[in-house]
C-alpha atoms as a PDB file:
ATOM      1  CA  MET A   1       5.442  42.605  13.516  1.00  0.00           C
ATOM      2  CA  THR A   2       1.867  42.868  14.917  1.00  0.00           C
ATOM      3  CA  LEU A   3       1.648  38.896  14.994  1.00  0.00           C
ATOM      4  CA  ILE A   4       5.016  38.702  16.686  1.00  0.00           C
ATOM      5  CA  THR A   5       4.063  41.370  19.170  1.00  0.00           C
ATOM      6  CA  ALA A   6       0.802  39.855  20.007  1.00  0.00           C
ATOM      7  CA  LEU A   7       2.411  36.323  20.767  1.00  0.00           C
ATOM      8  CA  GLY A   8       4.976  38.008  22.983  1.00  0.00           C
ATOM      9  CA  ALA A   9       7.552  35.344  22.433  1.00  0.00           C
ATOM     10  CA  GLY A  10       9.859  37.038  20.054  1.00  0.00           C
ATOM     11  CA  PHE A  11      11.056  35.288  16.957  1.00  0.00           C
ATOM     12  CA  GLY A  12      13.908  33.501  15.220  1.00  0.00           C
ATOM     13  CA  LYS A  13      16.219  30.749  16.712  1.00  0.00           C
ATOM     14  CA  VAL A  14      16.490  30.694  20.546  1.00  0.00           C
ATOM     15  CA  GLY A  15      18.957  33.393  21.508  1.00  0.00           C
ATOM     16  CA  VAL A  16      22.207  32.367  23.095  1.00  0.00           C
ATOM     17  CA  ASP A  17      22.507  35.948  24.357  1.00  0.00           C
ATOM     18  CA  LYS A  18      19.984  36.329  27.001  1.00  0.00           C
ATOM     19  CA  ASP A  19      20.085  40.075  26.716  1.00  0.00           C
ATOM     20  CA  ASP A  20      18.609  39.895  23.177  1.00  0.00           C
ATOM     21  CA  LYS A  21      15.128  40.971  23.788  1.00  0.00           C
ATOM     22  CA  ASP A  22      14.110  39.880  20.250  1.00  0.00           C
ATOM     23  CA  ALA A  23      15.226  36.270  20.727  1.00  0.00           C
ATOM     24  CA  PHE A  24      12.524  33.724  20.757  1.00  0.00           C
ATOM     25  CA  ASP A  25      11.619  32.737  24.421  1.00  0.00           C
ATOM     26  CA  ILE A  26       8.754  30.123  24.825  1.00  0.00           C
ATOM     27  CA  ALA A  27       8.300  31.256  28.479  1.00  0.00           C
ATOM     28  CA  LYS A  28       6.893  34.677  27.204  1.00  0.00           C
ATOM     29  CA  LEU A  29       4.284  33.127  24.971  1.00  0.00           C
ATOM     30  CA  ARG A  30       0.918  34.692  25.772  1.00  0.00           C
ATOM     31  CA  TYR A  31      -1.386  31.997  24.315  1.00  0.00           C
ATOM     32  CA  HIS A  32      -1.331  28.166  24.677  1.00  0.00           C
ATOM     33  CA  ARG A  33      -3.166  27.624  21.408  1.00  0.00           C
ATOM     34  CA  ILE A  34      -2.556  29.529  18.249  1.00  0.00           C
ATOM     35  CA  ILE A  35      -5.275  28.850  15.762  1.00  0.00           C
ATOM     36  CA  ILE A  36      -4.773  29.698  12.050  1.00  0.00           C
ATOM     37  CA  MET A  37      -8.226  30.476  10.644  1.00  0.00           C
ATOM     38  CA  THR A  38      -8.346  31.148   6.957  1.00  0.00           C
ATOM     39  CA  ASP A  39     -10.980  30.673   4.241  1.00  0.00           C
ATOM     40  CA  ALA A  40     -11.909  27.113   3.313  1.00  0.00           C
ATOM     41  CA  ASP A  41     -11.066  27.671  -0.452  1.00  0.00           C
ATOM     42  CA  VAL A  42      -7.787  27.449  -2.303  1.00  0.00           C
ATOM     43  CA  ASP A  43      -6.764  31.063  -1.515  1.00  0.00           C
ATOM     44  CA  GLY A  44      -7.198  30.196   2.161  1.00  0.00           C
ATOM     45  CA  SER A  45      -4.930  27.135   1.758  1.00  0.00           C
ATOM     46  CA  HIS A  46      -2.197  29.365   0.305  1.00  0.00           C
ATOM     47  CA  ILE A  47      -2.471  31.811   3.172  1.00  0.00           C
ATOM     48  CA  ARG A  48      -2.366  28.909   5.622  1.00  0.00           C
ATOM     49  CA  THR A  49       0.802  27.472   4.103  1.00  0.00           C
ATOM     50  CA  LEU A  50       2.502  30.897   4.361  1.00  0.00           C
ATOM     51  CA  LEU A  51       1.704  31.184   7.932  1.00  0.00           C
ATOM     52  CA  LEU A  52       2.803  27.626   8.631  1.00  0.00           C
ATOM     53  CA  THR A  53       6.135  28.354   6.946  1.00  0.00           C
ATOM     54  CA  PHE A  54       6.592  31.459   8.976  1.00  0.00           C
ATOM     55  CA  PHE A  55       5.989  29.618  12.244  1.00  0.00           C
ATOM     56  CA  TYR A  56       8.182  26.606  11.187  1.00  0.00           C
ATOM     57  CA  ARG A  57      11.061  28.957  10.172  1.00  0.00           C
ATOM     58  CA  GLN A  58      10.866  31.727  12.735  1.00  0.00           C
ATOM     59  CA  MET A  59       9.285  29.988  15.810  1.00  0.00           C
ATOM     60  CA  PRO A  60       9.893  26.179  15.370  1.00  0.00           C
ATOM     61  CA  GLU A  61       9.370  25.642  18.984  1.00  0.00           C
ATOM     62  CA  LEU A  62       5.751  26.590  18.693  1.00  0.00           C
ATOM     63  CA  VAL A  63       5.261  23.829  16.167  1.00  0.00           C
ATOM     64  CA  GLU A  64       7.457  21.195  18.119  1.00  0.00           C
ATOM     65  CA  ARG A  65       5.496  21.772  21.470  1.00  0.00           C
ATOM     66  CA  GLY A  66       2.058  21.466  19.640  1.00  0.00           C
ATOM     67  CA  HIS A  67       0.875  25.082  19.998  1.00  0.00           C
ATOM     68  CA  ILE A  68      -0.162  25.565  16.333  1.00  0.00           C
ATOM     69  CA  TYR A  69      -3.643  24.530  15.309  1.00  0.00           C
ATOM     70  CA  ILE A  70      -5.724  24.828  12.101  1.00  0.00           C
ATOM     71  CA  ALA A  71      -9.359  25.681  12.269  1.00  0.00           C
ATOM     72  CA  GLN A  72     -11.734  23.801   9.933  1.00  0.00           C
ATOM     73  CA  PRO A  73     -14.309  26.296   8.753  1.00  0.00           C
ATOM     74  CA  PRO A  74     -17.076  25.028   6.459  1.00  0.00           C
ATOM     75  CA  LEU A  75     -17.109  25.610   2.789  1.00  0.00           C
ATOM     76  CA  TYR A  76     -20.861  24.930   2.290  1.00  0.00           C
ATOM     77  CA  LYS A  77     -24.210  25.265   3.959  1.00  0.00           C
ATOM     78  CA  ALA A  78     -26.811  22.810   2.783  1.00  0.00           C
ATOM     79  CA  LYS A  79     -30.412  23.619   3.818  1.00  0.00           C
ATOM     80  CA  GLN A  80     -33.418  21.346   3.332  1.00  0.00           C
ATOM     81  CA  GLY A  81     -36.649  22.535   4.834  1.00  0.00           C
ATOM     82  CA  LYS A  82     -35.769  23.711   8.407  1.00  0.00           C
ATOM     83  CA  GLN A  83     -32.658  21.583   8.574  1.00  0.00           C
ATOM     84  CA  GLU A  84     -29.219  23.086   8.021  1.00  0.00           C
ATOM     85  CA  HIS A  85     -25.880  21.333   7.670  1.00  0.00           C
ATOM     86  CA  TYR A  86     -22.451  22.999   7.499  1.00  0.00           C
ATOM     87  CA  LEU A  87     -20.063  20.972   5.332  1.00  0.00           C
ATOM     88  CA  LYS A  88     -16.276  21.384   5.445  1.00  0.00           C
ATOM     89  CA  ASP A  89     -15.461  20.743   1.762  1.00  0.00           C
ATOM     90  CA  ASP A  90     -16.645  19.207  -1.532  1.00  0.00           C
ATOM     91  CA  HIS A  91     -16.015  15.693  -0.211  1.00  0.00           C
ATOM     92  CA  GLU A  92     -18.500  16.352   2.822  1.00  0.00           C
ATOM     93  CA  LEU A  93     -20.887  17.973   0.351  1.00  0.00           C
ATOM     94  CA  LYS A  94     -21.049  14.916  -1.861  1.00  0.00           C
ATOM     95  CA  GLY A  95     -21.346  12.672   1.078  1.00  0.00           C
ATOM     96  CA  HIS A  96     -24.359  14.699   2.380  1.00  0.00           C
ATOM     97  CA  LEU A  97     -25.931  14.784  -1.070  1.00  0.00           C
ATOM     98  CA  LEU A  98     -25.562  10.963  -1.295  1.00  0.00           C
ATOM     99  CA  LYS A  99     -27.064  10.491   2.024  1.00  0.00           C
ATOM    100  CA  VAL A 100     -30.066  12.454   0.956  1.00  0.00           C
ATOM    101  CA  ALA A 101     -30.206  10.927  -2.463  1.00  0.00           C
ATOM    102  CA  LEU A 102     -30.199   7.330  -1.137  1.00  0.00           C
ATOM    103  CA  ASN A 103     -33.305   7.994   1.113  1.00  0.00           C
ATOM    104  CA  GLY A 104     -36.030   6.270  -1.007  1.00  0.00           C
ATOM    105  CA  ALA A 105     -33.709   5.304  -3.765  1.00  0.00           C
ATOM    106  CA  GLU A 106     -33.449   1.810  -5.465  1.00  0.00           C
ATOM    107  CA  LEU A 107     -31.216   0.575  -8.176  1.00  0.00           C
ATOM    108  CA  THR A 108     -32.308  -2.452 -10.306  1.00  0.00           C
ATOM    109  CA  PRO A 109     -29.221  -3.413 -12.124  1.00  0.00           C
ATOM    110  CA  GLY A 110     -30.882  -5.405 -14.940  1.00  0.00           C
ATOM    111  CA  VAL A 111     -34.178  -6.683 -16.488  1.00  0.00           C
ATOM    112  CA  ASN A 112     -34.079 -10.024 -14.565  1.00  0.00           C
ATOM    113  CA  ALA A 113     -32.123  -8.834 -11.493  1.00  0.00           C
ATOM    114  CA  PRO A 114     -33.566  -7.896  -8.080  1.00  0.00           C
ATOM    115  CA  PRO A 115     -32.938  -4.345  -6.761  1.00  0.00           C
ATOM    116  CA  LEU A 116     -29.564  -3.925  -4.860  1.00  0.00           C
ATOM    117  CA  ALA A 117     -29.977  -4.066  -1.002  1.00  0.00           C
ATOM    118  CA  ALA A 118     -29.834  -0.556   0.496  1.00  0.00           C
ATOM    119  CA  GLN A 119     -26.575  -1.073   2.312  1.00  0.00           C
ATOM    120  CA  THR A 120     -24.994  -2.629  -0.731  1.00  0.00           C
ATOM    121  CA  PHE A 121     -26.040   0.241  -2.933  1.00  0.00           C
ATOM    122  CA  GLU A 122     -24.596   2.786  -0.350  1.00  0.00           C
ATOM    123  CA  ASN A 123     -21.301   0.877  -0.101  1.00  0.00           C
ATOM    124  CA  VAL A 124     -20.927   0.861  -3.950  1.00  0.00           C
ATOM    125  CA  ALA A 125     -21.851   4.541  -4.303  1.00  0.00           C
ATOM    126  CA  ARG A 126     -19.316   5.533  -1.683  1.00  0.00           C
ATOM    127  CA  GLU A 127     -16.581   3.495  -3.344  1.00  0.00           C
ATOM    128  CA  TYR A 128     -17.395   5.012  -6.602  1.00  0.00           C
ATOM    129  CA  LEU A 129     -17.370   8.567  -5.291  1.00  0.00           C
ATOM    130  CA  LEU A 130     -13.898   7.967  -3.741  1.00  0.00           C
ATOM    131  CA  ALA A 131     -12.621   6.976  -7.131  1.00  0.00           C
ATOM    132  CA  GLU A 132     -14.397   9.839  -8.930  1.00  0.00           C
ATOM    133  CA  ALA A 133     -12.690  12.286  -6.559  1.00  0.00           C
ATOM    134  CA  VAL A 134      -9.199  10.843  -7.637  1.00  0.00           C
ATOM    135  CA  VAL A 135     -10.244  11.205 -11.277  1.00  0.00           C
ATOM    136  CA  GLU A 136     -11.247  14.850 -10.733  1.00  0.00           C
ATOM    137  CA  ARG A 137      -8.100  15.604  -8.847  1.00  0.00           C
ATOM    138  CA  LEU A 138      -5.843  14.133 -11.590  1.00  0.00           C
ATOM    139  CA  ALA A 139      -7.806  15.672 -14.501  1.00  0.00           C
ATOM    140  CA  ARG A 140      -4.803  17.978 -15.450  1.00  0.00           C
ATOM    141  CA  LEU A 141      -2.230  15.137 -15.245  1.00  0.00           C
ATOM    142  CA  ILE A 142      -4.080  12.333 -16.995  1.00  0.00           C
ATOM    143  CA  ASP A 143      -7.034  12.651 -19.416  1.00  0.00           C
ATOM    144  CA  PRO A 144     -10.162  12.015 -17.294  1.00  0.00           C
ATOM    145  CA  SER A 145     -11.836  10.059 -20.122  1.00  0.00           C
ATOM    146  CA  ALA A 146      -9.147   7.390 -19.871  1.00  0.00           C
ATOM    147  CA  LEU A 147      -9.521   7.250 -16.006  1.00  0.00           C
ATOM    148  CA  TYR A 148     -13.385   6.872 -16.373  1.00  0.00           C
ATOM    149  CA  ALA A 149     -12.736   4.172 -18.895  1.00  0.00           C
ATOM    150  CA  MET A 150     -10.724   2.327 -16.314  1.00  0.00           C
ATOM    151  CA  LEU A 151     -13.362   3.024 -13.824  1.00  0.00           C
ATOM    152  CA  GLY A 152     -15.794   1.486 -16.218  1.00  0.00           C
ATOM    153  CA  GLY A 153     -13.885  -1.781 -16.342  1.00  0.00           C
ATOM    154  CA  VAL A 154     -11.045  -1.315 -18.879  1.00  0.00           C
ATOM    155  CA  ARG A 155      -7.971  -2.944 -17.238  1.00  0.00           C
ATOM    156  CA  VAL A 156      -4.517  -1.460 -18.115  1.00  0.00           C
ATOM    157  CA  GLU A 157      -1.489  -3.824 -18.202  1.00  0.00           C
ATOM    158  CA  LEU A 158       1.941  -2.710 -19.190  1.00  0.00           C
ATOM    159  CA  GLY A 159       3.911  -5.862 -18.460  1.00  0.00           C
ATOM    160  CA  THR A 160       4.646  -6.625 -22.034  1.00  0.00           C
ATOM    161  CA  GLU A 161       4.475  -4.914 -25.381  1.00  0.00           C
ATOM    162  CA  ALA A 162       1.501  -6.979 -26.473  1.00  0.00           C
ATOM    163  CA  ALA A 163      -0.424  -6.325 -23.174  1.00  0.00           C
ATOM    164  CA  ALA A 164       0.325  -2.525 -23.571  1.00  0.00           C
ATOM    165  CA  THR A 165      -0.919  -2.619 -27.099  1.00  0.00           C
ATOM    166  CA  ARG A 166      -4.182  -4.395 -26.143  1.00  0.00           C
ATOM    167  CA  SER A 167      -4.622  -1.909 -23.220  1.00  0.00           C
ATOM    168  CA  ALA A 168      -4.264   1.043 -25.549  1.00  0.00           C
ATOM    169  CA  GLN A 169      -6.760  -0.230 -28.051  1.00  0.00           C
ATOM    170  CA  ALA A 170      -9.153  -1.206 -25.250  1.00  0.00           C
ATOM    171  CA  LEU A 171      -8.982   2.481 -23.932  1.00  0.00           C
ATOM    172  CA  GLN A 172      -9.335   3.824 -27.412  1.00  0.00           C
ATOM    173  CA  ASP A 173     -12.541   1.685 -28.036  1.00  0.00           C
ATOM    174  CA  ALA A 174     -14.075   2.545 -24.746  1.00  0.00           C
ATOM    175  CA  ILE A 175     -13.532   6.351 -25.020  1.00  0.00           C
ATOM    176  CA  ALA A 176     -14.599   6.450 -28.658  1.00  0.00           C
ATOM    177  CA  ASP A 177     -13.677  10.206 -29.017  1.00  0.00           C
ATOM    178  CA  PRO A 178     -12.295  11.210 -32.434  1.00  0.00           C
ATOM    179  CA  GLU A 179     -10.232  13.922 -30.735  1.00  0.00           C
ATOM    180  CA  LEU A 180      -8.317  11.437 -28.696  1.00  0.00           C
ATOM    181  CA  ARG A 181      -5.662   8.926 -29.486  1.00  0.00           C
ATOM    182  CA  VAL A 182      -4.163   6.284 -27.312  1.00  0.00           C
ATOM    183  CA  GLU A 183      -0.760   4.786 -28.175  1.00  0.00           C
ATOM    184  CA  ALA A 184       1.502   2.290 -26.370  1.00  0.00           C
ATOM    185  CA  ARG A 185       5.015   3.517 -26.114  1.00  0.00           C
ATOM    186  CA  TYR A 186       8.186   2.269 -24.729  1.00  0.00           C
ATOM    187  CA  ASP A 187      10.853   4.593 -23.055  1.00  0.00           C
ATOM    188  CA  ALA A 188      14.104   2.959 -23.773  1.00  0.00           C
ATOM    189  CA  ALA A 189      16.001   5.361 -21.377  1.00  0.00           C
ATOM    190  CA  ALA A 190      13.824   4.615 -18.455  1.00  0.00           C
ATOM    191  CA  GLU A 191      13.059   1.016 -19.590  1.00  0.00           C
ATOM    192  CA  THR A 192       9.324   1.421 -19.015  1.00  0.00           C
ATOM    193  CA  ARG A 193       6.211   1.277 -21.053  1.00  0.00           C
ATOM    194  CA  ARG A 194       3.277   3.747 -20.829  1.00  0.00           C
ATOM    195  CA  LEU A 195       0.122   4.631 -22.634  1.00  0.00           C
ATOM    196  CA  THR A 196       0.359   8.010 -24.199  1.00  0.00           C
ATOM    197  CA  ILE A 197      -3.079   9.864 -24.503  1.00  0.00           C
ATOM    198  CA  VAL A 198      -3.132  12.583 -27.045  1.00  0.00           C
ATOM    199  CA  ARG A 199      -6.126  14.842 -27.099  1.00  0.00           C
ATOM    200  CA  THR A 200      -6.362  17.289 -29.967  1.00  0.00           C
ATOM    201  CA  HIS A 201      -8.627  20.385 -29.265  1.00  0.00           C
ATOM    202  CA  HIS A 202      -8.821  23.234 -31.944  1.00  0.00           C
ATOM    203  CA  GLY A 203      -5.692  21.779 -33.663  1.00  0.00           C
ATOM    204  CA  THR A 204      -3.640  21.911 -30.395  1.00  0.00           C
ATOM    205  CA  PRO A 205      -2.579  18.534 -28.998  1.00  0.00           C
ATOM    206  CA  HIS A 206      -2.467  17.879 -25.256  1.00  0.00           C
ATOM    207  CA  VAL A 207      -0.434  14.883 -24.150  1.00  0.00           C
ATOM    208  CA  THR A 208      -0.881  12.895 -20.851  1.00  0.00           C
ATOM    209  CA  ALA A 209       0.120   9.430 -20.020  1.00  0.00           C
ATOM    210  CA  LEU A 210      -0.657   6.348 -17.857  1.00  0.00           C
ATOM    211  CA  ASP A 211       2.490   4.446 -16.547  1.00  0.00           C
ATOM    212  CA  GLY A 212       3.436   1.856 -14.029  1.00  0.00           C
ATOM    213  CA  ASP A 213       4.026   4.351 -11.320  1.00  0.00           C
ATOM    214  CA  PHE A 214       0.413   5.518 -11.498  1.00  0.00           C
ATOM    215  CA  LEU A 215      -0.959   2.056 -11.599  1.00  0.00           C
ATOM    216  CA  ALA A 216       0.926   1.111  -8.527  1.00  0.00           C
ATOM    217  CA  SER A 217      -0.006   4.356  -6.621  1.00  0.00           C
ATOM    218  CA  GLY A 218      -2.791   4.749  -4.152  1.00  0.00           C
ATOM    219  CA  ASP A 219      -4.776   6.617  -6.755  1.00  0.00           C
ATOM    220  CA  GLY A 220      -4.484   3.836  -9.197  1.00  0.00           C
ATOM    221  CA  ALA A 221      -5.412   1.294  -6.496  1.00  0.00           C
ATOM    222  CA  GLN A 222      -8.521   3.324  -5.604  1.00  0.00           C
ATOM    223  CA  ILE A 223      -9.697   3.346  -9.139  1.00  0.00           C
ATOM    224  CA  GLN A 224      -9.057  -0.273  -9.589  1.00  0.00           C
ATOM    225  CA  ALA A 225     -10.863  -1.255  -6.317  1.00  0.00           C
ATOM    226  CA  ALA A 226     -13.927   0.628  -7.557  1.00  0.00           C
ATOM    227  CA  ALA A 227     -13.788  -0.878 -10.987  1.00  0.00           C
ATOM    228  CA  ASP A 228     -13.700  -4.330  -9.332  1.00  0.00           C
ATOM    229  CA  VAL A 229     -16.889  -3.589  -7.433  1.00  0.00           C
ATOM    230  CA  LEU A 230     -18.497  -2.156 -10.463  1.00  0.00           C
ATOM    231  CA  GLN A 231     -17.529  -5.105 -12.670  1.00  0.00           C
ATOM    232  CA  ASP A 232     -20.664  -6.451 -14.534  1.00  0.00           C
ATOM    233  CA  LEU A 233     -22.915  -4.709 -12.046  1.00  0.00           C
ATOM    234  CA  ILE A 234     -25.031  -2.782 -14.545  1.00  0.00           C
ATOM    235  CA  GLN A 235     -26.812  -4.836 -17.219  1.00  0.00           C
ATOM    236  CA  PRO A 236     -29.186  -4.003 -20.045  1.00  0.00           C
ATOM    237  CA  GLY A 237     -32.486  -2.757 -18.695  1.00  0.00           C
ATOM    238  CA  ALA A 238     -30.942  -1.150 -15.495  1.00  0.00           C
ATOM    239  CA  VAL A 239     -33.231   1.394 -13.795  1.00  0.00           C
ATOM    240  CA  ILE A 240     -32.686   3.915 -11.122  1.00  0.00           C
ATOM    241  CA  LYS A 241     -35.661   5.111  -8.835  1.00  0.00           C
ATOM    242  CA  ARG A 242     -36.178   7.695  -6.262  1.00  0.00           C
ATOM    243  CA  GLY A 243     -39.659   8.231  -4.951  1.00  0.00           C
ATOM    244  CA  ASP A 244     -42.051   8.334  -7.956  1.00  0.00           C
ATOM    245  CA  LYS A 245     -39.300   9.116 -10.455  1.00  0.00           C
ATOM    246  CA  GLN A 246     -37.198   6.638 -12.400  1.00  0.00           C
ATOM    247  CA  GLN A 247     -34.655   6.618 -15.130  1.00  0.00           C
ATOM    248  CA  ALA A 248     -33.151   3.957 -17.388  1.00  0.00           C
ATOM    249  CA  VAL A 249     -29.362   4.054 -17.235  1.00  0.00           C
ATOM    250  CA  LYS A 250     -26.446   2.432 -19.008  1.00  0.00           C
ATOM    251  CA  SER A 251     -23.683   2.783 -16.344  1.00  0.00           C
ATOM    252  CA  PHE A 252     -23.375   3.264 -12.595  1.00  0.00           C
ATOM    253  CA  LYS A 253     -21.984   6.647 -13.179  1.00  0.00           C
ATOM    254  CA  GLU A 254     -25.174   7.676 -15.114  1.00  0.00           C
ATOM    255  CA  ALA A 255     -27.258   6.233 -12.217  1.00  0.00           C
ATOM    256  CA  LEU A 256     -25.409   8.074  -9.533  1.00  0.00           C
ATOM    257  CA  ASP A 257     -25.218  11.438 -11.392  1.00  0.00           C
ATOM    258  CA  TRP A 258     -29.061  11.304 -11.898  1.00  0.00           C
ATOM    259  CA  LEU A 259     -29.600  10.474  -8.289  1.00  0.00           C
ATOM    260  CA  LEU A 260     -27.342  13.241  -6.929  1.00  0.00           C
ATOM    261  CA  ALA A 261     -28.978  15.637  -9.417  1.00  0.00           C
ATOM    262  CA  GLU A 262     -32.408  14.835  -7.909  1.00  0.00           C
ATOM    263  CA  ALA A 263     -31.072  15.303  -4.455  1.00  0.00           C
ATOM    264  CA  ARG A 264     -29.447  18.604  -5.225  1.00  0.00           C
ATOM    265  CA  SER A 265     -32.716  20.048  -6.625  1.00  0.00           C
ATOM    266  CA  SER A 266     -34.292  19.708  -3.200  1.00  0.00           C
ATOM    267  CA  ILE A 267     -31.443  21.356  -1.236  1.00  0.00           C
ATOM    268  CA  ALA A 268     -30.454  24.897  -1.090  1.00  0.00           C
ATOM    269  CA  ILE A 269     -26.659  25.029  -1.186  1.00  0.00           C
ATOM    270  CA  GLN A 270     -24.562  28.060  -0.157  1.00  0.00           C
ATOM    271  CA  ARG A 271     -20.938  28.228  -0.832  1.00  0.00           C
ATOM    272  CA  TYR A 272     -18.838  30.480   1.489  1.00  0.00           C
ATOM    273  CA  LYS A 273     -16.026  32.222  -0.387  1.00  0.00           C
ATOM    274  CA  GLY A 274     -14.690  33.631   2.777  1.00  0.00           C
ATOM    275  CA  LEU A 275     -15.348  33.702   6.447  1.00  0.00           C
ATOM    276  CA  GLY A 276     -16.583  37.332   6.027  1.00  0.00           C
ATOM    277  CA  GLU A 277     -19.662  35.930   4.324  1.00  0.00           C
ATOM    278  CA  MET A 278     -20.903  34.433   7.623  1.00  0.00           C
ATOM    279  CA  ASN A 279     -22.748  36.401  10.081  1.00  0.00           C
ATOM    280  CA  PRO A 280     -21.350  36.419  13.612  1.00  0.00           C
ATOM    281  CA  ALA A 281     -23.540  33.697  14.874  1.00  0.00           C
ATOM    282  CA  GLN A 282     -22.718  31.388  12.033  1.00  0.00           C
ATOM    283  CA  LEU A 283     -19.027  31.969  12.426  1.00  0.00           C
ATOM    284  CA  TRP A 284     -19.308  31.160  16.197  1.00  0.00           C
ATOM    285  CA  GLU A 285     -21.154  27.980  15.812  1.00  0.00           C
ATOM    286  CA  THR A 286     -19.221  26.632  12.976  1.00  0.00           C
ATOM    287  CA  THR A 287     -15.594  27.805  13.479  1.00  0.00           C
ATOM    288  CA  MET A 288     -15.029  29.416  16.898  1.00  0.00           C
ATOM    289  CA  ASP A 289     -17.288  27.720  19.494  1.00  0.00           C
ATOM    290  CA  PRO A 290     -14.857  25.547  21.725  1.00  0.00           C
ATOM    291  CA  GLY A 291     -17.674  23.049  22.136  1.00  0.00           C
ATOM    292  CA  ALA A 292     -18.474  22.474  18.493  1.00  0.00           C
ATOM    293  CA  ARG A 293     -15.471  23.568  16.402  1.00  0.00           C
ATOM    294  CA  ARG A 294     -12.958  21.274  14.779  1.00  0.00           C
ATOM    295  CA  LEU A 295      -9.272  21.826  14.861  1.00  0.00           C
ATOM    296  CA  LEU A 296      -6.234  20.147  13.435  1.00  0.00           C
ATOM    297  CA  ARG A 297      -3.027  20.141  15.582  1.00  0.00           C
ATOM    298  CA  VAL A 298       0.091  20.671  13.602  1.00  0.00           C
ATOM    299  CA  ARG A 299       2.945  18.092  14.445  1.00  0.00           C
ATOM    300  CA  ILE A 300       6.329  17.337  13.111  1.00  0.00           C
ATOM    301  CA  GLU A 301       6.814  13.567  12.751  1.00  0.00           C
ATOM    302  CA  ASP A 302      10.005  13.773  10.679  1.00  0.00           C
ATOM    303  CA  ALA A 303      12.119  16.871  11.183  1.00  0.00           C
ATOM    304  CA  VAL A 304      14.518  16.182   8.269  1.00  0.00           C
ATOM    305  CA  ALA A 305      11.801  15.431   5.830  1.00  0.00           C
ATOM    306  CA  SER A 306       9.772  18.568   6.879  1.00  0.00           C
ATOM    307  CA  GLU A 307      12.920  20.764   6.455  1.00  0.00           C
ATOM    308  CA  GLU A 308      13.305  19.342   2.910  1.00  0.00           C
ATOM    309  CA  ILE A 309       9.679  19.914   1.987  1.00  0.00           C
ATOM    310  CA  PHE A 310       9.510  23.468   3.217  1.00  0.00           C
ATOM    311  CA  SER A 311      12.819  24.217   1.513  1.00  0.00           C
ATOM    312  CA  THR A 312      11.601  22.763  -1.754  1.00  0.00           C
ATOM    313  CA  LEU A 313       8.031  24.170  -1.774  1.00  0.00           C
ATOM    314  CA  MET A 314       8.702  27.544  -0.302  1.00  0.00           C
ATOM    315  CA  GLY A 315      12.169  28.139  -1.604  1.00  0.00           C
ATOM    316  CA  GLU A 316      13.257  30.453  -4.524  1.00  0.00           C
ATOM    317  CA  GLN A 317      14.134  27.600  -6.823  1.00  0.00           C
ATOM    318  CA  VAL A 318      11.282  26.752  -9.245  1.00  0.00           C
ATOM    319  CA  GLU A 319      12.595  23.494 -10.789  1.00  0.00           C
ATOM    320  CA  PRO A 320      12.872  21.451  -7.558  1.00  0.00           C
ATOM    321  CA  ARG A 321       9.322  22.637  -6.609  1.00  0.00           C
ATOM    322  CA  ARG A 322       8.094  21.587  -9.962  1.00  0.00           C
ATOM    323  CA  ALA A 323       9.841  18.204  -9.727  1.00  0.00           C
ATOM    324  CA  PHE A 324       8.491  17.595  -6.255  1.00  0.00           C
ATOM    325  CA  ILE A 325       4.876  18.208  -7.150  1.00  0.00           C
ATOM    326  CA  GLU A 326       5.067  16.130 -10.454  1.00  0.00           C
ATOM    327  CA  SER A 327       6.722  13.133  -8.676  1.00  0.00           C
ATOM    328  CA  ASN A 328       4.327  13.168  -5.668  1.00  0.00           C
ATOM    329  CA  ALA A 329       1.031  14.007  -7.275  1.00  0.00           C
ATOM    330  CA  LEU A 330       0.274  10.412  -8.210  1.00  0.00           C
ATOM    331  CA  GLY A 331       1.374   8.866  -4.973  1.00  0.00           C
ATOM    332  CA  VAL A 332      -1.142  10.117  -2.607  1.00  0.00           C
ATOM    333  CA  ARG A 333      -3.033   7.413  -0.707  1.00  0.00           C
ATOM    334  CA  ASN A 334      -5.015   9.231   1.927  1.00  0.00           C
ATOM    335  CA  LEU A 335      -6.439  12.464   0.620  1.00  0.00           C
ATOM    336  CA  ASP A 336      -9.140  14.826   2.044  1.00  0.00           C
ATOM    337  CA  VAL A 337     -10.985  16.141  -0.885  1.00  0.00           C
END
């Protein structure tokens, strides 16, 4: 009730009875901007979702009129020498590390090949990091070794039985892990082919799959786009250099991992588990200063779809929520990671 009292506009649907003092009345709202400020980690995301659900259910007019905002506190602080950079999430951290790593870096893709131009190297690296973010996010749904094999150039095709069988063998050969088995299977009921990936660890099998829905999704397209860029890029004798250090590499992943590790060794990185870990000055300059803060304004673009999503994700029925997550996890195209 403290939150409701602070806003001053009541709660629930707009009352028909004007004498109902608890009915929501937008005219009584005390603040034009209501900013949800939670920690930048997963727990903070959960709390933010609960608050958004409350506003959507009990004070929908606040959302409809654009009064609700989401603060964007940093998850990391990276310090190099006297320079400090606040970074919103893991994606910004990797981007910052890449920027530092590329300073003075040079990739020679093969014995007789010239070094990549600086801008070309940066473009390829960023494309790869986007695809790698997809792999990391899907690790629980699809065995990451299969996704990395696709990123490394294995093309998966499921159009025919022969194509699916070839793809399964190609993945198996590329992964070369005795604990993993890839099989081409046909689902007669759904009339679809998929590659089933079985990883056995301590005698316990864990089964994931690659299917046509994934290959046609934004995630599948992102991995394929990066694979096309990396196709035949790294040849025998490839070398990555940074400053006076260098390392022979056999893949672009190996080159980039080495480069990012070199950059990380020169940077002090602090992860904020909560806003309470910041001192008042840091909290002001990163999250609260109107001249520097970043806010996301909450909007409702499709009222019917929003109602269905809130009912599914925040309702008491478990099965619809599970089905929603499983069916939408592979279809994300624009994801801030």
